[in-house]
């Protein structure tokens, strides 16, 4: 999955969390987080692609995801609803993600809610 991102990508999973800059930082975060995940399912829909140039696309996608972690049932499952804001670039070999931000509309099993409020759409 990491290869789908540019070397200089920026990934933001939480507005109040770390801003991951670069593919290596993103990879380390995934290894850390996914290492605790036992099972999960991730769904995106209502994709909107806006071609800003021949080699640049802005994308908006809605998501639902479910994750089960080590320690279940004392560690609760997380069900998440929200949207991704993404920028793709074509580097000549492939389309890659240069920027990705997750805004959580709400989560069951987590305190995150309403991160999309007060944000311009799209």
PDB file of N, CA and C in Angstrom:
ATOM      1  N   UNK A   1       0.819  -1.186   0.000  1.00  0.00           N
ATOM      2  CA  UNK A   1       0.000   0.000   0.000  1.00  0.00           C
ATOM      3  C   UNK A   1       0.867   1.255   0.000  1.00  0.00           C
ATOM      4  N   UNK A   2       1.976   1.218   0.695  1.00  0.00           N
ATOM      5  CA  UNK A   2       2.846   2.391   0.810  1.00  0.00           C
ATOM      6  C   UNK A   2       3.362   2.824  -0.556  1.00  0.00           C
ATOM      7  N   UNK A   3       3.567   1.891  -1.458  1.00  0.00           N
ATOM      8  CA  UNK A   3       4.063   2.220  -2.798  1.00  0.00           C
ATOM      9  C   UNK A   3       3.058   3.048  -3.597  1.00  0.00           C
ATOM     10  N   UNK A   4       1.807   3.101  -3.145  1.00  0.00           N
ATOM     11  CA  UNK A   4       0.792   3.911  -3.822  1.00  0.00           C
ATOM     12  C   UNK A   4       0.939   5.398  -3.495  1.00  0.00           C
ATOM     13  N   UNK A   5       1.872   5.751  -2.595  1.00  0.00           N
ATOM     14  CA  UNK A   5       2.089   7.119  -2.166  1.00  0.00           C
ATOM     15  C   UNK A   5       3.413   7.645  -2.716  1.00  0.00           C
ATOM     16  N   UNK A   6       3.490   8.962  -2.910  1.00  0.00           N
ATOM     17  CA  UNK A   6       4.737   9.578  -3.366  1.00  0.00           C
ATOM     18  C   UNK A   6       5.759   9.550  -2.227  1.00  0.00           C
ATOM     19  N   UNK A   7       7.033   9.682  -2.582  1.00  0.00           N
ATOM     20  CA  UNK A   7       8.093   9.715  -1.567  1.00  0.00           C
ATOM     21  C   UNK A   7       7.897  10.876  -0.597  1.00  0.00           C
ATOM     22  N   UNK A   8       7.361  12.003  -1.088  1.00  0.00           N
ATOM     23  CA  UNK A   8       7.187  13.200  -0.256  1.00  0.00           C
ATOM     24  C   UNK A   8       5.740  13.408   0.182  1.00  0.00           C
ATOM     25  N   UNK A   9       4.994  12.335   0.294  1.00  0.00           N
ATOM     26  CA  UNK A   9       3.569  12.426   0.646  1.00  0.00           C
ATOM     27  C   UNK A   9       3.358  13.048   2.020  1.00  0.00           C
ATOM     28  N   UNK A  10       2.138  13.550   2.222  1.00  0.00           N
ATOM     29  CA  UNK A  10       1.686  14.042   3.521  1.00  0.00           C
ATOM     30  C   UNK A  10       0.402  13.289   3.843  1.00  0.00           C
ATOM     31  N   UNK A  11       0.363  12.663   5.021  1.00  0.00           N
ATOM     32  CA  UNK A  11      -0.798  11.883   5.444  1.00  0.00           C
ATOM     33  C   UNK A  11      -1.219  12.365   6.831  1.00  0.00           C
ATOM     34  N   UNK A  12      -2.520  12.679   6.953  1.00  0.00           N
ATOM     35  CA  UNK A  12      -3.066  13.154   8.225  1.00  0.00           C
ATOM     36  C   UNK A  12      -4.273  12.278   8.555  1.00  0.00           C
ATOM     37  N   UNK A  13      -4.142  11.452   9.603  1.00  0.00           N
ATOM     38  CA  UNK A  13      -5.251  10.602  10.019  1.00  0.00           C
ATOM     39  C   UNK A  13      -6.114  11.270  11.079  1.00  0.00           C
ATOM     40  N   UNK A  14      -5.530  12.208  11.837  1.00  0.00           N
ATOM     41  CA  UNK A  14      -6.236  12.919  12.904  1.00  0.00           C
ATOM     42  C   UNK A  14      -5.804  14.376  12.849  1.00  0.00           C
ATOM     43  N   UNK A  15      -6.746  15.294  12.901  1.00  0.00           N
ATOM     44  CA  UNK A  15      -6.380  16.713  12.910  1.00  0.00           C
ATOM     45  C   UNK A  15      -5.482  17.055  14.090  1.00  0.00           C
ATOM     46  N   UNK A  16      -5.658  16.360  15.224  1.00  0.00           N
ATOM     47  CA  UNK A  16      -4.833  16.639  16.393  1.00  0.00           C
ATOM     48  C   UNK A  16      -3.705  15.618  16.558  1.00  0.00           C
ATOM     49  N   UNK A  17      -3.507  14.794  15.541  1.00  0.00           N
ATOM     50  CA  UNK A  17      -2.460  13.781  15.604  1.00  0.00           C
ATOM     51  C   UNK A  17      -1.247  14.165  14.787  1.00  0.00           C
ATOM     52  N   UNK A  18      -0.345  13.226  14.588  1.00  0.00           N
ATOM     53  CA  UNK A  18       0.869  13.544  13.846  1.00  0.00           C
ATOM     54  C   UNK A  18       0.589  13.787  12.363  1.00  0.00           C
ATOM     55  N   UNK A  19       1.319  14.722  11.808  1.00  0.00           N
ATOM     56  CA  UNK A  19       1.316  14.970  10.361  1.00  0.00           C
ATOM     57  C   UNK A  19       2.466  14.129   9.814  1.00  0.00           C
ATOM     58  N   UNK A  20       2.118  13.064   9.107  1.00  0.00           N
ATOM     59  CA  UNK A  20       3.134  12.144   8.600  1.00  0.00           C
ATOM     60  C   UNK A  20       3.671  12.693   7.286  1.00  0.00           C
ATOM     61  N   UNK A  21       4.947  13.006   7.267  1.00  0.00           N
ATOM     62  CA  UNK A  21       5.563  13.581   6.072  1.00  0.00           C
ATOM     63  C   UNK A  21       6.578  12.596   5.515  1.00  0.00           C
ATOM     64  N   UNK A  22       6.304  12.123   4.301  1.00  0.00           N
ATOM     65  CA  UNK A  22       7.187  11.185   3.631  1.00  0.00           C
ATOM     66  C   UNK A  22       6.709   9.757   3.752  1.00  0.00           C
ATOM     67  N   UNK A  23       7.056   8.984   2.739  1.00  0.00           N
ATOM     68  CA  UNK A  23       6.622   7.592   2.660  1.00  0.00           C
ATOM     69  C   UNK A  23       7.131   6.770   3.842  1.00  0.00           C
ATOM     70  N   UNK A  24       8.357   7.016   4.288  1.00  0.00           N
ATOM     71  CA  UNK A  24       8.913   6.237   5.399  1.00  0.00           C
ATOM     72  C   UNK A  24       8.158   6.492   6.700  1.00  0.00           C
ATOM     73  N   UNK A  25       7.811   7.744   6.977  1.00  0.00           N
ATOM     74  CA  UNK A  25       7.038   8.058   8.190  1.00  0.00           C
ATOM     75  C   UNK A  25       5.668   7.392   8.129  1.00  0.00           C
ATOM     76  N   UNK A  26       5.052   7.412   6.949  1.00  0.00           N
ATOM     77  CA  UNK A  26       3.756   6.764   6.754  1.00  0.00           C
ATOM     78  C   UNK A  26       3.882   5.264   6.967  1.00  0.00           C
ATOM     79  N   UNK A  27       4.916   4.670   6.418  1.00  0.00           N
ATOM     80  CA  UNK A  27       5.137   3.227   6.560  1.00  0.00           C
ATOM     81  C   UNK A  27       5.314   2.838   8.028  1.00  0.00           C
ATOM     82  N   UNK A  28       6.105   3.602   8.776  1.00  0.00           N
ATOM     83  CA  UNK A  28       6.306   3.303  10.199  1.00  0.00           C
ATOM     84  C   UNK A  28       4.992   3.371  10.965  1.00  0.00           C
ATOM     85  N   UNK A  29       4.167   4.368  10.660  1.00  0.00           N
ATOM     86  CA  UNK A  29       2.862   4.513  11.343  1.00  0.00           C
ATOM     87  C   UNK A  29       1.959   3.318  11.047  1.00  0.00           C
ATOM     88  N   UNK A  30       1.925   2.894   9.775  1.00  0.00           N
ATOM     89  CA  UNK A  30       1.111   1.734   9.414  1.00  0.00           C
ATOM     90  C   UNK A  30       1.589   0.478  10.130  1.00  0.00           C
ATOM     91  N   UNK A  31       2.890   0.276  10.167  1.00  0.00           N
ATOM     92  CA  UNK A  31       3.432  -0.904  10.849  1.00  0.00           C
ATOM     93  C   UNK A  31       3.049  -0.902  12.325  1.00  0.00           C
ATOM     94  N   UNK A  32       3.128   0.270  12.943  1.00  0.00           N
ATOM     95  CA  UNK A  32       2.772   0.406  14.355  1.00  0.00           C
ATOM     96  C   UNK A  32       1.293   0.116  14.583  1.00  0.00           C
ATOM     97  N   UNK A  33       0.432   0.743  13.805  1.00  0.00           N
ATOM     98  CA  UNK A  33      -1.014   0.623  14.003  1.00  0.00           C
ATOM     99  C   UNK A  33      -1.564  -0.723  13.532  1.00  0.00           C
ATOM    100  N   UNK A  34      -1.132  -1.162  12.356  1.00  0.00           N
ATOM    101  CA  UNK A  34      -1.673  -2.415  11.821  1.00  0.00           C
ATOM    102  C   UNK A  34      -1.142  -3.630  12.574  1.00  0.00           C
ATOM    103  N   UNK A  35      -0.032  -3.461  13.269  1.00  0.00           N
ATOM    104  CA  UNK A  35       0.505  -4.550  14.082  1.00  0.00           C
ATOM    105  C   UNK A  35      -0.417  -4.935  15.230  1.00  0.00           C
ATOM    106  N   UNK A  36      -1.285  -4.015  15.639  1.00  0.00           N
ATOM    107  CA  UNK A  36      -2.249  -4.285  16.720  1.00  0.00           C
ATOM    108  C   UNK A  36      -3.614  -4.696  16.185  1.00  0.00           C
ATOM    109  N   UNK A  37      -3.799  -4.643  14.875  1.00  0.00           N
ATOM    110  CA  UNK A  37      -5.094  -4.938  14.263  1.00  0.00           C
ATOM    111  C   UNK A  37      -5.196  -6.423  13.949  1.00  0.00           C
ATOM    112  N   UNK A  38      -6.244  -7.058  14.450  1.00  0.00           N
ATOM    113  CA  UNK A  38      -6.476  -8.477  14.213  1.00  0.00           C
ATOM    114  C   UNK A  38      -7.245  -8.672  12.909  1.00  0.00           C
ATOM    115  N   UNK A  39      -8.240  -7.820  12.678  1.00  0.00           N
ATOM    116  CA  UNK A  39      -9.073  -7.930  11.489  1.00  0.00           C
ATOM    117  C   UNK A  39      -9.692  -6.568  11.208  1.00  0.00           C
ATOM    118  N   UNK A  40     -10.117  -6.374   9.974  1.00  0.00           N
ATOM    119  CA  UNK A  40     -10.755  -5.105   9.635  1.00  0.00           C
ATOM    120  C   UNK A  40     -11.353  -5.148   8.244  1.00  0.00           C
ATOM    121  N   UNK A  41     -12.122  -4.126   7.951  1.00  0.00           N
ATOM    122  CA  UNK A  41     -12.751  -3.987   6.646  1.00  0.00           C
ATOM    123  C   UNK A  41     -12.860  -2.494   6.358  1.00  0.00           C
ATOM    124  N   UNK A  42     -12.552  -2.113   5.144  1.00  0.00           N
ATOM    125  CA  UNK A  42     -12.480  -0.704   4.772  1.00  0.00           C
ATOM    126  C   UNK A  42     -13.244  -0.513   3.469  1.00  0.00           C
ATOM    127  N   UNK A  43     -14.201   0.406   3.467  1.00  0.00           N
ATOM    128  CA  UNK A  43     -15.048   0.623   2.297  1.00  0.00           C
ATOM    129  C   UNK A  43     -15.055   2.103   1.940  1.00  0.00           C
ATOM    130  N   UNK A  44     -14.905   2.427   0.655  1.00  0.00           N
ATOM    131  CA  UNK A  44     -15.031   3.812   0.195  1.00  0.00           C
ATOM    132  C   UNK A  44     -16.123   3.868  -0.863  1.00  0.00           C
ATOM    133  N   UNK A  45     -16.782   5.025  -0.947  1.00  0.00           N
ATOM    134  CA  UNK A  45     -17.861   5.191  -1.918  1.00  0.00           C
ATOM    135  C   UNK A  45     -17.982   6.659  -2.301  1.00  0.00           C
ATOM    136  N   UNK A  46     -18.867   6.916  -3.234  1.00  0.00           N
ATOM    137  CA  UNK A  46     -19.182   8.273  -3.678  1.00  0.00           C
ATOM    138  C   UNK A  46     -17.919   9.047  -4.049  1.00  0.00           C
ATOM    139  N   UNK A  47     -17.042   8.384  -4.797  1.00  0.00           N
ATOM    140  CA  UNK A  47     -15.795   9.013  -5.197  1.00  0.00           C
ATOM    141  C   UNK A  47     -16.061  10.190  -6.124  1.00  0.00           C
ATOM    142  N   UNK A  48     -15.408  11.300  -5.846  1.00  0.00           N
ATOM    143  CA  UNK A  48     -15.468  12.471  -6.710  1.00  0.00           C
ATOM    144  C   UNK A  48     -14.033  12.784  -7.112  1.00  0.00           C
ATOM    145  N   UNK A  49     -13.768  12.776  -8.419  1.00  0.00           N
ATOM    146  CA  UNK A  49     -12.433  13.072  -8.937  1.00  0.00           C
ATOM    147  C   UNK A  49     -12.494  14.379  -9.707  1.00  0.00           C
ATOM    148  N   UNK A  50     -11.625  15.310  -9.353  1.00  0.00           N
ATOM    149  CA  UNK A  50     -11.573  16.605 -10.016  1.00  0.00           C
ATOM    150  C   UNK A  50     -10.194  16.721 -10.666  1.00  0.00           C
ATOM    151  N   UNK A  51     -10.156  16.696 -11.992  1.00  0.00           N
ATOM    152  CA  UNK A  51      -8.897  16.806 -12.708  1.00  0.00           C
ATOM    153  C   UNK A  51      -8.479  18.270 -12.734  1.00  0.00           C
ATOM    154  N   UNK A  52      -7.429  18.598 -11.989  1.00  0.00           N
ATOM    155  CA  UNK A  52      -6.931  19.965 -11.931  1.00  0.00           C
ATOM    156  C   UNK A  52      -5.907  20.231 -13.016  1.00  0.00           C
ATOM    157  N   UNK A  53      -5.290  19.168 -13.527  1.00  0.00           N
ATOM    158  CA  UNK A  53      -4.330  19.216 -14.632  1.00  0.00           C
ATOM    159  C   UNK A  53      -4.236  17.794 -15.176  1.00  0.00           C
ATOM    160  N   UNK A  54      -3.540  17.624 -16.282  1.00  0.00           N
ATOM    161  CA  UNK A  54      -3.430  16.290 -16.892  1.00  0.00           C
ATOM    162  C   UNK A  54      -2.740  15.291 -15.963  1.00  0.00           C
ATOM    163  N   UNK A  55      -1.921  15.792 -15.030  1.00  0.00           N
ATOM    164  CA  UNK A  55      -1.175  14.905 -14.135  1.00  0.00           C
ATOM    165  C   UNK A  55      -1.514  15.111 -12.660  1.00  0.00           C
ATOM    166  N   UNK A  56      -2.653  15.758 -12.384  1.00  0.00           N
ATOM    167  CA  UNK A  56      -3.021  16.062 -10.996  1.00  0.00           C
ATOM    168  C   UNK A  56      -4.529  15.947 -10.801  1.00  0.00           C
ATOM    169  N   UNK A  57      -4.933  15.189  -9.776  1.00  0.00           N
ATOM    170  CA  UNK A  57      -6.349  14.966  -9.478  1.00  0.00           C
ATOM    171  C   UNK A  57      -6.593  15.180  -7.989  1.00  0.00           C
ATOM    172  N   UNK A  58      -7.660  15.890  -7.678  1.00  0.00           N
ATOM    173  CA  UNK A  58      -8.152  16.013  -6.293  1.00  0.00           C
ATOM    174  C   UNK A  58      -9.301  15.022  -6.159  1.00  0.00           C
ATOM    175  N   UNK A  59      -9.351  14.308  -5.037  1.00  0.00           N
ATOM    176  CA  UNK A  59     -10.388  13.293  -4.839  1.00  0.00           C
ATOM    177  C   UNK A  59     -11.028  13.461  -3.470  1.00  0.00           C
ATOM    178  N   UNK A  60     -12.331  13.203  -3.431  1.00  0.00           N
ATOM    179  CA  UNK A  60     -13.095  13.178  -2.179  1.00  0.00           C
ATOM    180  C   UNK A  60     -13.812  11.833  -2.150  1.00  0.00           C
ATOM    181  N   UNK A  61     -13.712  11.114  -1.053  1.00  0.00           N
ATOM    182  CA  UNK A  61     -14.311   9.796  -0.928  1.00  0.00           C
ATOM    183  C   UNK A  61     -14.919   9.646   0.464  1.00  0.00           C
ATOM    184  N   UNK A  62     -16.088   9.059   0.541  1.00  0.00           N
ATOM    185  CA  UNK A  62     -16.679   8.738   1.836  1.00  0.00           C
ATOM    186  C   UNK A  62     -16.206   7.349   2.255  1.00  0.00           C
ATOM    187  N   UNK A  63     -16.123   7.136   3.562  1.00  0.00           N
ATOM    188  CA  UNK A  63     -15.646   5.837   4.003  1.00  0.00           C
ATOM    189  C   UNK A  63     -16.434   5.317   5.194  1.00  0.00           C
ATOM    190  N   UNK A  64     -16.411   3.998   5.292  1.00  0.00           N
ATOM    191  CA  UNK A  64     -16.809   3.269   6.490  1.00  0.00           C
ATOM    192  C   UNK A  64     -15.706   2.247   6.728  1.00  0.00           C
ATOM    193  N   UNK A  65     -15.248   2.134   7.956  1.00  0.00           N
ATOM    194  CA  UNK A  65     -14.260   1.100   8.258  1.00  0.00           C
ATOM    195  C   UNK A  65     -14.563   0.480   9.620  1.00  0.00           C
ATOM    196  N   UNK A  66     -14.130  -0.747   9.751  1.00  0.00           N
ATOM    197  CA  UNK A  66     -14.259  -1.492  10.995  1.00  0.00           C
ATOM    198  C   UNK A  66     -12.910  -2.116  11.298  1.00  0.00           C
ATOM    199  N   UNK A  67     -12.508  -2.046  12.568  1.00  0.00           N
ATOM    200  CA  UNK A  67     -11.262  -2.673  12.986  1.00  0.00           C
ATOM    201  C   UNK A  67     -11.459  -3.390  14.315  1.00  0.00           C
ATOM    202  N   UNK A  68     -10.854  -4.562  14.397  1.00  0.00           N
ATOM    203  CA  UNK A  68     -10.784  -5.309  15.661  1.00  0.00           C
ATOM    204  C   UNK A  68      -9.308  -5.374  16.052  1.00  0.00           C
ATOM    205  N   UNK A  69      -9.043  -5.127  17.335  1.00  0.00           N
ATOM    206  CA  UNK A  69      -7.673  -5.026  17.813  1.00  0.00           C
ATOM    207  C   UNK A  69      -7.328  -6.158  18.768  1.00  0.00           C
ATOM    208  N   UNK A  70      -6.007  -6.341  18.982  1.00  0.00           N
ATOM    209  CA  UNK A  70      -5.557  -7.250  20.027  1.00  0.00           C
ATOM    210  C   UNK A  70      -6.257  -6.867  21.321  1.00  0.00           C
ATOM    211  N   UNK A  71      -6.620  -7.841  22.106  1.00  0.00           N
ATOM    212  CA  UNK A  71      -7.235  -7.565  23.399  1.00  0.00           C
ATOM    213  C   UNK A  71      -8.748  -7.525  23.377  1.00  0.00           C
ATOM    214  N   UNK A  72      -9.365  -7.769  22.202  1.00  0.00           N
ATOM    215  CA  UNK A  72     -10.827  -7.814  22.144  1.00  0.00           C
ATOM    216  C   UNK A  72     -11.310  -8.929  23.067  1.00  0.00           C
ATOM    217  N   UNK A  73     -12.332  -8.744  23.883  1.00  0.00           N
ATOM    218  CA  UNK A  73     -13.318  -7.675  23.878  1.00  0.00           C
ATOM    219  C   UNK A  73     -13.006  -6.510  24.817  1.00  0.00           C
ATOM    220  N   UNK A  74     -11.948  -6.608  25.653  1.00  0.00           N
ATOM    221  CA  UNK A  74     -11.679  -5.477  26.544  1.00  0.00           C
ATOM    222  C   UNK A  74     -11.200  -4.247  25.750  1.00  0.00           C
ATOM    223  N   UNK A  75     -10.590  -4.459  24.600  1.00  0.00           N
ATOM    224  CA  UNK A  75     -10.277  -3.367  23.672  1.00  0.00           C
ATOM    225  C   UNK A  75     -11.380  -3.354  22.628  1.00  0.00           C
ATOM    226  N   UNK A  76     -12.142  -2.287  22.601  1.00  0.00           N
ATOM    227  CA  UNK A  76     -13.336  -2.220  21.744  1.00  0.00           C
ATOM    228  C   UNK A  76     -12.994  -2.160  20.263  1.00  0.00           C
ATOM    229  N   UNK A  77     -13.882  -2.752  19.449  1.00  0.00           N
ATOM    230  CA  UNK A  77     -13.817  -2.549  18.006  1.00  0.00           C
ATOM    231  C   UNK A  77     -14.055  -1.072  17.703  1.00  0.00           C
ATOM    232  N   UNK A  78     -13.573  -0.606  16.567  1.00  0.00           N
ATOM    233  CA  UNK A  78     -13.856   0.760  16.128  1.00  0.00           C
ATOM    234  C   UNK A  78     -14.586   0.694  14.788  1.00  0.00           C
ATOM    235  N   UNK A  79     -15.715   1.367  14.729  1.00  0.00           N
ATOM    236  CA  UNK A  79     -16.473   1.564  13.493  1.00  0.00           C
ATOM    237  C   UNK A  79     -16.358   3.050  13.172  1.00  0.00           C
ATOM    238  N   UNK A  80     -15.913   3.375  11.973  1.00  0.00           N
ATOM    239  CA  UNK A  80     -15.623   4.772  11.623  1.00  0.00           C
ATOM    240  C   UNK A  80     -16.381   5.168  10.358  1.00  0.00           C
ATOM    241  N   UNK A  81     -16.961   6.366  10.393  1.00  0.00           N
ATOM    242  CA  UNK A  81     -17.600   6.970   9.218  1.00  0.00           C
ATOM    243  C   UNK A  81     -16.922   8.313   8.980  1.00  0.00           C
ATOM    244  N   UNK A  82     -16.654   8.646   7.742  1.00  0.00           N
ATOM    245  CA  UNK A  82     -15.999   9.924   7.467  1.00  0.00           C
ATOM    246  C   UNK A  82     -15.726  10.111   5.998  1.00  0.00           C
ATOM    247  N   UNK A  83     -14.725  10.934   5.712  1.00  0.00           N
ATOM    248  CA  UNK A  83     -14.349  11.168   4.316  1.00  0.00           C
ATOM    249  C   UNK A  83     -12.845  11.363   4.212  1.00  0.00           C
ATOM    250  N   UNK A  84     -12.340  11.006   3.054  1.00  0.00           N
ATOM    251  CA  UNK A  84     -10.954  11.259   2.703  1.00  0.00           C
ATOM    252  C   UNK A  84     -10.902  12.444   1.762  1.00  0.00           C
ATOM    253  N   UNK A  85      -9.899  13.291   1.950  1.00  0.00           N
ATOM    254  CA  UNK A  85      -9.549  14.331   0.996  1.00  0.00           C
ATOM    255  C   UNK A  85      -8.165  13.943   0.495  1.00  0.00           C
ATOM    256  N   UNK A  86      -8.019  13.789  -0.829  1.00  0.00           N
ATOM    257  CA  UNK A  86      -6.781  13.256  -1.375  1.00  0.00           C
ATOM    258  C   UNK A  86      -6.351  14.024  -2.618  1.00  0.00           C
ATOM    259  N   UNK A  87      -5.042  14.087  -2.823  1.00  0.00           N
ATOM    260  CA  UNK A  87      -4.460  14.611  -4.058  1.00  0.00           C
ATOM    261  C   UNK A  87      -3.615  13.512  -4.673  1.00  0.00           C
ATOM    262  N   UNK A  88      -3.851  13.245  -5.941  1.00  0.00           N
ATOM    263  CA  UNK A  88      -3.088  12.272  -6.712  1.00  0.00           C
ATOM    264  C   UNK A  88      -2.234  12.999  -7.735  1.00  0.00           C
ATOM    265  N   UNK A  89      -1.046  12.457  -8.008  1.00  0.00           N
ATOM    266  CA  UNK A  89      -0.200  12.972  -9.079  1.00  0.00           C
ATOM    267  C   UNK A  89       0.256  11.805  -9.941  1.00  0.00           C
ATOM    268  N   UNK A  90       0.449  12.080 -11.212  1.00  0.00           N
ATOM    269  CA  UNK A  90       0.986  11.078 -12.125  1.00  0.00           C
ATOM    270  C   UNK A  90       2.471  11.367 -12.288  1.00  0.00           C
ATOM    271  N   UNK A  91       3.313  10.435 -11.850  1.00  0.00           N
ATOM    272  CA  UNK A  91       4.762  10.641 -11.914  1.00  0.00           C
ATOM    273  C   UNK A  91       5.376  10.101 -13.200  1.00  0.00           C
ATOM    274  N   UNK A  92       4.537   9.767 -14.170  1.00  0.00           N
ATOM    275  CA  UNK A  92       5.019   9.213 -15.433  1.00  0.00           C
ATOM    276  C   UNK A  92       4.967   7.703 -15.468  1.00  0.00           C
ATOM    277  N   UNK A  93       5.065   7.066 -14.297  1.00  0.00           N
ATOM    278  CA  UNK A  93       4.994   5.606 -14.215  1.00  0.00           C
ATOM    279  C   UNK A  93       3.655   5.150 -13.652  1.00  0.00           C
ATOM    280  N   UNK A  94       3.074   5.960 -12.760  1.00  0.00           N
ATOM    281  CA  UNK A  94       1.819   5.567 -12.100  1.00  0.00           C
ATOM    282  C   UNK A  94       1.191   6.788 -11.438  1.00  0.00           C
ATOM    283  N   UNK A  95      -0.094   6.651 -11.115  1.00  0.00           N
ATOM    284  CA  UNK A  95      -0.771   7.640 -10.283  1.00  0.00           C
ATOM    285  C   UNK A  95      -0.450   7.301  -8.842  1.00  0.00           C
ATOM    286  N   UNK A  96      -0.029   8.301  -8.075  1.00  0.00           N
ATOM    287  CA  UNK A  96       0.316   8.091  -6.673  1.00  0.00           C
ATOM    288  C   UNK A  96      -0.345   9.170  -5.816  1.00  0.00           C
ATOM    289  N   UNK A  97      -0.534   8.833  -4.545  1.00  0.00           N
ATOM    290  CA  UNK A  97      -1.172   9.750  -3.602  1.00  0.00           C
ATOM    291  C   UNK A  97      -0.103  10.657  -2.994  1.00  0.00           C
ATOM    292  N   UNK A  98      -0.289  11.955  -3.174  1.00  0.00           N
ATOM    293  CA  UNK A  98       0.643  12.939  -2.629  1.00  0.00           C
ATOM    294  C   UNK A  98       0.148  13.478  -1.288  1.00  0.00           C
ATOM    295  N   UNK A  99      -1.165  13.527  -1.105  1.00  0.00           N
ATOM    296  CA  UNK A  99      -1.753  14.084   0.112  1.00  0.00           C
ATOM    297  C   UNK A  99      -3.004  13.274   0.446  1.00  0.00           C
ATOM    298  N   UNK A 100      -3.153  12.916   1.728  1.00  0.00           N
ATOM    299  CA  UNK A 100      -4.361  12.226   2.165  1.00  0.00           C
ATOM    300  C   UNK A 100      -4.693  12.686   3.584  1.00  0.00           C
ATOM    301  N   UNK A 101      -5.932  13.088   3.764  1.00  0.00           N
ATOM    302  CA  UNK A 101      -6.421  13.512   5.073  1.00  0.00           C
ATOM    303  C   UNK A 101      -7.742  12.825   5.352  1.00  0.00           C
ATOM    304  N   UNK A 102      -7.870  12.271   6.541  1.00  0.00           N
ATOM    305  CA  UNK A 102      -9.103  11.625   6.983  1.00  0.00           C
ATOM    306  C   UNK A 102      -9.825  12.558   7.941  1.00  0.00           C
ATOM    307  N   UNK A 103     -11.086  12.837   7.650  1.00  0.00           N
ATOM    308  CA  UNK A 103     -11.945  13.597   8.550  1.00  0.00           C
ATOM    309  C   UNK A 103     -13.013  12.643   9.067  1.00  0.00           C
ATOM    310  N   UNK A 104     -13.030  12.434  10.375  1.00  0.00           N
ATOM    311  CA  UNK A 104     -13.984  11.504  10.967  1.00  0.00           C
ATOM    312  C   UNK A 104     -15.300  12.218  11.266  1.00  0.00           C
ATOM    313  N   UNK A 105     -16.391  11.690  10.711  1.00  0.00           N
ATOM    314  CA  UNK A 105     -17.721  12.211  11.028  1.00  0.00           C
ATOM    315  C   UNK A 105     -18.182  11.640  12.362  1.00  0.00           C
ATOM    316  N   UNK A 106     -17.739  10.418  12.663  1.00  0.00           N
ATOM    317  CA  UNK A 106     -18.086   9.780  13.923  1.00  0.00           C
ATOM    318  C   UNK A 106     -17.467   8.404  14.007  1.00  0.00           C
ATOM    319  N   UNK A 107     -17.247   7.973  15.227  1.00  0.00           N
ATOM    320  CA  UNK A 107     -16.653   6.659  15.453  1.00  0.00           C
ATOM    321  C   UNK A 107     -17.311   6.001  16.655  1.00  0.00           C
ATOM    322  N   UNK A 108     -17.668   4.773  16.486  1.00  0.00           N
ATOM    323  CA  UNK A 108     -18.161   3.965  17.592  1.00  0.00           C
ATOM    324  C   UNK A 108     -16.954   3.219  18.153  1.00  0.00           C
ATOM    325  N   UNK A 109     -16.675   3.398  19.426  1.00  0.00           N
ATOM    326  CA  UNK A 109     -15.489   2.795  20.027  1.00  0.00           C
ATOM    327  C   UNK A 109     -14.335   3.780  20.120  1.00  0.00           C
ATOM    328  N   UNK A 110     -14.598   5.041  19.814  1.00  0.00           N
ATOM    329  CA  UNK A 110     -13.576   6.082  19.846  1.00  0.00           C
ATOM    330  C   UNK A 110     -14.272   7.422  20.097  1.00  0.00           C
ATOM    331  N   UNK A 111     -13.573   8.390  20.680  1.00  0.00           N
ATOM    332  CA  UNK A 111     -14.211   9.680  20.964  1.00  0.00           C
ATOM    333  C   UNK A 111     -14.278  10.633  19.770  1.00  0.00           C
ATOM    334  N   UNK A 112     -13.710  10.273  18.621  1.00  0.00           N
ATOM    335  CA  UNK A 112     -13.675  11.197  17.480  1.00  0.00           C
ATOM    336  C   UNK A 112     -15.080  11.398  16.906  1.00  0.00           C
ATOM    337  N   UNK A 113     -15.417  12.653  16.647  1.00  0.00           N
ATOM    338  CA  UNK A 113     -16.720  12.967  16.051  1.00  0.00           C
ATOM    339  C   UNK A 113     -16.689  14.373  15.458  1.00  0.00           C
ATOM    340  N   UNK A 114     -17.383  14.550  14.362  1.00  0.00           N
ATOM    341  CA  UNK A 114     -17.643  15.858  13.795  1.00  0.00           C
ATOM    342  C   UNK A 114     -16.442  16.625  13.298  1.00  0.00           C
ATOM    343  N   UNK A 115     -15.387  15.948  12.867  1.00  0.00           N
ATOM    344  CA  UNK A 115     -14.206  16.654  12.399  1.00  0.00           C
ATOM    345  C   UNK A 115     -14.462  17.394  11.079  1.00  0.00           C
ATOM    346  N   UNK A 116     -15.528  17.046  10.416  1.00  0.00           N
ATOM    347  CA  UNK A 116     -15.859  17.701   9.150  1.00  0.00           C
ATOM    348  C   UNK A 116     -16.615  19.012   9.372  1.00  0.00           C
ATOM    349  N   UNK A 117     -17.124  19.245  10.580  1.00  0.00           N
ATOM    350  CA  UNK A 117     -17.874  20.472  10.849  1.00  0.00           C
ATOM    351  C   UNK A 117     -16.956  21.681  10.719  1.00  0.00           C
ATOM    352  N   UNK A 118     -17.463  22.720  10.088  1.00  0.00           N
ATOM    353  CA  UNK A 118     -16.686  23.934   9.941  1.00  0.00           C
ATOM    354  C   UNK A 118     -15.619  23.869   8.864  1.00  0.00           C
ATOM    355  N   UNK A 119     -15.573  22.752   8.135  1.00  0.00           N
ATOM    356  CA  UNK A 119     -14.615  22.600   7.050  1.00  0.00           C
ATOM    357  C   UNK A 119     -15.316  22.822   5.719  1.00  0.00           C
ATOM    358  N   UNK A 120     -14.652  23.511   4.819  1.00  0.00           N
ATOM    359  CA  UNK A 120     -15.230  23.732   3.500  1.00  0.00           C
ATOM    360  C   UNK A 120     -15.397  22.399   2.773  1.00  0.00           C
ATOM    361  N   UNK A 121     -16.478  22.269   2.038  1.00  0.00           N
ATOM    362  CA  UNK A 121     -16.709  21.057   1.218  1.00  0.00           C
ATOM    363  C   UNK A 121     -16.963  21.480  -0.206  1.00  0.00           C
ATOM    364  N   UNK A 122     -16.351  20.846  -1.140  1.00  0.00           N
ATOM    365  CA  UNK A 122     -15.290  19.860  -0.951  1.00  0.00           C
ATOM    366  C   UNK A 122     -13.969  20.496  -0.621  1.00  0.00           C
TER     367      UNK A 122
END
